[in-house]
Amino acid sequence: MHMTAAKTSRTRPTNVSLDSALVEEAKALGVNISVASSRGLERAVAEARAERWIEENRAALDASNAYVAANDLPLSRHRLF
């Protein structure tokens, strides 16, 4: 398992606006709102990074896909299926 930025760096107080009913339900269920918020933010950052990487590498991905469409996978003649 990898260490995340939230686990390796200090926390910082931050003001956020959350749905009040959701906050009350979380409290009633014993959910740590700071931890849950941090995990959600971590997930959103990872998704944004992945989307950015795809956009930054779109030309290379398209070129690779075009090559495979035109020529099949490299060494495909050696595949057993």
N, C-alpha and C. Protein backbone atom coordinates (compact mmCIF):
# COMPACT_ATOMS: atom_id res chain seq x y z
N MET A 1 0.84 -1.17 0.00
CA MET A 1 0.00 0.00 0.00
C MET A 1 0.89 1.24 0.00
N HIS A 2 0.50 2.25 -0.74
CA HIS A 2 1.33 3.44 -0.85
C HIS A 2 0.96 4.48 0.20
N MET A 3 1.93 5.28 0.55
CA MET A 3 1.69 6.37 1.50
C MET A 3 1.12 7.54 0.71
N THR A 4 0.08 8.13 1.20
CA THR A 4 -0.52 9.27 0.52
C THR A 4 0.01 10.57 1.11
N ALA A 5 -0.20 11.64 0.36
CA ALA A 5 0.23 12.95 0.84
C ALA A 5 -0.42 13.29 2.16
N ALA A 6 -1.68 12.92 2.34
CA ALA A 6 -2.40 13.22 3.57
C ALA A 6 -1.78 12.50 4.76
N LYS A 7 -1.19 11.32 4.53
CA LYS A 7 -0.61 10.54 5.61
C LYS A 7 0.82 10.95 5.91
N THR A 8 1.51 11.56 4.95
CA THR A 8 2.91 11.88 5.16
C THR A 8 3.15 13.36 5.46
N SER A 9 2.13 14.20 5.30
CA SER A 9 2.31 15.63 5.57
C SER A 9 1.38 16.06 6.70
N ARG A 10 1.64 17.23 7.22
CA ARG A 10 0.79 17.77 8.28
C ARG A 10 -0.56 18.18 7.71
N THR A 11 -1.55 18.15 8.56
CA THR A 11 -2.86 18.60 8.13
C THR A 11 -2.94 20.11 8.25
N ARG A 12 -3.92 20.67 7.56
CA ARG A 12 -4.11 22.10 7.57
C ARG A 12 -5.59 22.39 7.78
N PRO A 13 -5.91 23.24 8.73
CA PRO A 13 -7.33 23.59 8.91
C PRO A 13 -7.87 24.24 7.64
N THR A 14 -9.04 23.81 7.23
CA THR A 14 -9.65 24.30 6.00
C THR A 14 -11.14 24.45 6.22
N ASN A 15 -11.70 25.51 5.71
CA ASN A 15 -13.15 25.70 5.78
C ASN A 15 -13.79 25.14 4.53
N VAL A 16 -14.77 24.29 4.70
CA VAL A 16 -15.53 23.75 3.58
C VAL A 16 -17.01 23.85 3.91
N SER A 17 -17.82 23.91 2.90
CA SER A 17 -19.27 23.90 3.09
C SER A 17 -19.79 22.53 2.70
N LEU A 18 -20.52 21.91 3.62
CA LEU A 18 -21.06 20.58 3.40
C LEU A 18 -22.55 20.59 3.67
N ASP A 19 -23.26 19.70 3.03
CA ASP A 19 -24.69 19.56 3.23
C ASP A 19 -24.95 19.25 4.71
N SER A 20 -25.76 20.07 5.37
CA SER A 20 -25.96 19.93 6.82
C SER A 20 -26.60 18.60 7.20
N ALA A 21 -27.53 18.11 6.40
CA ALA A 21 -28.15 16.81 6.71
C ALA A 21 -27.12 15.69 6.61
N LEU A 22 -26.24 15.78 5.63
CA LEU A 22 -25.20 14.78 5.46
C LEU A 22 -24.22 14.81 6.63
N VAL A 23 -23.88 16.00 7.09
CA VAL A 23 -22.98 16.14 8.24
C VAL A 23 -23.61 15.54 9.49
N GLU A 24 -24.88 15.82 9.71
CA GLU A 24 -25.58 15.26 10.88
C GLU A 24 -25.64 13.74 10.82
N GLU A 25 -25.92 13.20 9.64
CA GLU A 25 -25.97 11.74 9.49
C GLU A 25 -24.59 11.13 9.73
N ALA A 26 -23.56 11.78 9.20
CA ALA A 26 -22.20 11.30 9.40
C ALA A 26 -21.85 11.27 10.89
N LYS A 27 -22.18 12.34 11.59
CA LYS A 27 -21.92 12.39 13.03
C LYS A 27 -22.67 11.29 13.76
N ALA A 28 -23.93 11.09 13.40
CA ALA A 28 -24.75 10.06 14.05
C ALA A 28 -24.18 8.66 13.82
N LEU A 29 -23.55 8.47 12.68
CA LEU A 29 -22.97 7.17 12.35
C LEU A 29 -21.52 7.03 12.82
N GLY A 30 -20.97 8.08 13.41
CA GLY A 30 -19.60 8.03 13.91
C GLY A 30 -18.55 8.18 12.83
N VAL A 31 -18.92 8.77 11.71
CA VAL A 31 -17.98 8.98 10.61
C VAL A 31 -17.09 10.18 10.95
N ASN A 32 -15.79 10.01 10.83
CA ASN A 32 -14.86 11.11 11.03
C ASN A 32 -14.91 11.96 9.76
N ILE A 33 -15.48 13.14 9.87
CA ILE A 33 -15.69 13.99 8.70
C ILE A 33 -14.38 14.44 8.08
N SER A 34 -13.39 14.73 8.89
CA SER A 34 -12.08 15.14 8.35
C SER A 34 -11.45 14.02 7.54
N VAL A 35 -11.47 12.81 8.07
CA VAL A 35 -10.89 11.67 7.36
C VAL A 35 -11.67 11.39 6.08
N ALA A 36 -12.99 11.39 6.18
CA ALA A 36 -13.82 11.12 5.00
C ALA A 36 -13.61 12.19 3.93
N SER A 37 -13.52 13.43 4.34
CA SER A 37 -13.29 14.52 3.39
C SER A 37 -11.92 14.38 2.73
N SER A 38 -10.92 14.05 3.52
CA SER A 38 -9.57 13.88 2.99
C SER A 38 -9.53 12.74 1.98
N ARG A 39 -10.18 11.64 2.29
CA ARG A 39 -10.22 10.50 1.36
C ARG A 39 -10.94 10.87 0.07
N GLY A 40 -12.04 11.59 0.19
CA GLY A 40 -12.76 12.02 -1.00
C GLY A 40 -11.94 12.97 -1.85
N LEU A 41 -11.24 13.90 -1.21
CA LEU A 41 -10.39 14.84 -1.93
C LEU A 41 -9.24 14.10 -2.59
N GLU A 42 -8.67 13.13 -1.89
CA GLU A 42 -7.58 12.33 -2.44
C GLU A 42 -8.05 11.59 -3.70
N ARG A 43 -9.24 11.03 -3.65
CA ARG A 43 -9.81 10.33 -4.81
C ARG A 43 -10.03 11.29 -5.97
N ALA A 44 -10.56 12.48 -5.67
CA ALA A 44 -10.83 13.47 -6.72
C ALA A 44 -9.53 13.94 -7.37
N VAL A 45 -8.48 14.12 -6.57
CA VAL A 45 -7.18 14.54 -7.11
C VAL A 45 -6.61 13.43 -8.00
N ALA A 46 -6.71 12.18 -7.57
CA ALA A 46 -6.20 11.06 -8.37
C ALA A 46 -6.94 10.98 -9.71
N GLU A 47 -8.25 11.16 -9.69
CA GLU A 47 -9.04 11.14 -10.93
C GLU A 47 -8.65 12.29 -11.85
N ALA A 48 -8.45 13.48 -11.28
CA ALA A 48 -8.06 14.64 -12.08
C ALA A 48 -6.68 14.43 -12.69
N ARG A 49 -5.75 13.85 -11.92
CA ARG A 49 -4.41 13.57 -12.46
C ARG A 49 -4.50 12.57 -13.62
N ALA A 50 -5.32 11.53 -13.46
CA ALA A 50 -5.46 10.53 -14.51
C ALA A 50 -6.05 11.15 -15.77
N GLU A 51 -7.07 11.98 -15.61
CA GLU A 51 -7.68 12.65 -16.76
C GLU A 51 -6.66 13.56 -17.46
N ARG A 52 -5.88 14.29 -16.68
CA ARG A 52 -4.87 15.18 -17.25
C ARG A 52 -3.82 14.38 -18.01
N TRP A 53 -3.39 13.24 -17.43
CA TRP A 53 -2.39 12.41 -18.09
C TRP A 53 -2.92 11.91 -19.44
N ILE A 54 -4.16 11.47 -19.46
CA ILE A 54 -4.76 10.99 -20.72
C ILE A 54 -4.78 12.10 -21.75
N GLU A 55 -5.19 13.30 -21.35
CA GLU A 55 -5.23 14.42 -22.29
C GLU A 55 -3.84 14.80 -22.78
N GLU A 56 -2.86 14.80 -21.87
CA GLU A 56 -1.49 15.16 -22.25
C GLU A 56 -0.86 14.12 -23.17
N ASN A 57 -1.33 12.88 -23.08
CA ASN A 57 -0.76 11.80 -23.87
C ASN A 57 -1.71 11.29 -24.95
N ARG A 58 -2.75 12.05 -25.24
CA ARG A 58 -3.77 11.65 -26.21
C ARG A 58 -3.17 11.32 -27.57
N ALA A 59 -2.25 12.14 -28.06
CA ALA A 59 -1.66 11.91 -29.39
C ALA A 59 -0.93 10.57 -29.43
N ALA A 60 -0.15 10.27 -28.42
CA ALA A 60 0.59 9.01 -28.38
C ALA A 60 -0.36 7.82 -28.26
N LEU A 61 -1.39 7.95 -27.45
CA LEU A 61 -2.37 6.87 -27.31
C LEU A 61 -3.11 6.62 -28.62
N ASP A 62 -3.52 7.70 -29.28
CA ASP A 62 -4.21 7.57 -30.56
C ASP A 62 -3.31 6.93 -31.61
N ALA A 63 -2.02 7.34 -31.63
CA ALA A 63 -1.08 6.77 -32.60
C ALA A 63 -0.88 5.27 -32.33
N SER A 64 -0.76 4.89 -31.07
CA SER A 64 -0.59 3.49 -30.72
C SER A 64 -1.82 2.68 -31.10
N ASN A 65 -3.00 3.21 -30.82
CA ASN A 65 -4.24 2.51 -31.17
C ASN A 65 -4.38 2.38 -32.68
N ALA A 66 -3.99 3.41 -33.42
CA ALA A 66 -4.06 3.36 -34.89
C ALA A 66 -3.09 2.30 -35.43
N TYR A 67 -1.90 2.22 -34.85
CA TYR A 67 -0.93 1.21 -35.28
C TYR A 67 -1.49 -0.19 -35.07
N VAL A 68 -2.04 -0.45 -33.88
CA VAL A 68 -2.59 -1.77 -33.58
C VAL A 68 -3.76 -2.08 -34.50
N ALA A 69 -4.61 -1.10 -34.77
CA ALA A 69 -5.75 -1.32 -35.67
C ALA A 69 -5.27 -1.69 -37.07
N ALA A 70 -4.20 -1.08 -37.52
CA ALA A 70 -3.69 -1.32 -38.87
C ALA A 70 -2.80 -2.55 -38.97
N ASN A 71 -2.07 -2.86 -37.90
CA ASN A 71 -1.03 -3.90 -37.97
C ASN A 71 -1.19 -5.04 -36.99
N ASP A 72 -2.21 -5.03 -36.17
CA ASP A 72 -2.41 -6.00 -35.08
C ASP A 72 -1.35 -5.76 -34.00
N LEU A 73 -1.46 -6.49 -32.92
CA LEU A 73 -0.50 -6.34 -31.84
C LEU A 73 0.86 -6.86 -32.26
N PRO A 74 1.93 -6.20 -31.82
CA PRO A 74 3.25 -6.72 -32.12
C PRO A 74 3.39 -8.15 -31.56
N LEU A 75 3.99 -9.01 -32.33
CA LEU A 75 4.22 -10.42 -31.95
C LEU A 75 2.92 -11.21 -31.79
N SER A 76 1.84 -10.72 -32.35
CA SER A 76 0.56 -11.41 -32.19
C SER A 76 0.57 -12.80 -32.81
N ARG A 77 1.45 -13.01 -33.77
CA ARG A 77 1.50 -14.35 -34.40
C ARG A 77 1.98 -15.41 -33.41
N HIS A 78 2.57 -15.00 -32.30
CA HIS A 78 3.06 -15.94 -31.30
C HIS A 78 2.04 -16.21 -30.19
N ARG A 79 0.90 -15.55 -30.25
CA ARG A 79 -0.12 -15.74 -29.21
C ARG A 79 -0.82 -17.08 -29.42
N LEU A 80 -1.21 -17.70 -28.35
CA LEU A 80 -1.86 -19.02 -28.42
C LEU A 80 -3.39 -18.92 -28.51
N PHE A 81 -3.95 -17.76 -28.37
CA PHE A 81 -5.40 -17.62 -28.40
C PHE A 81 -5.85 -16.71 -29.49
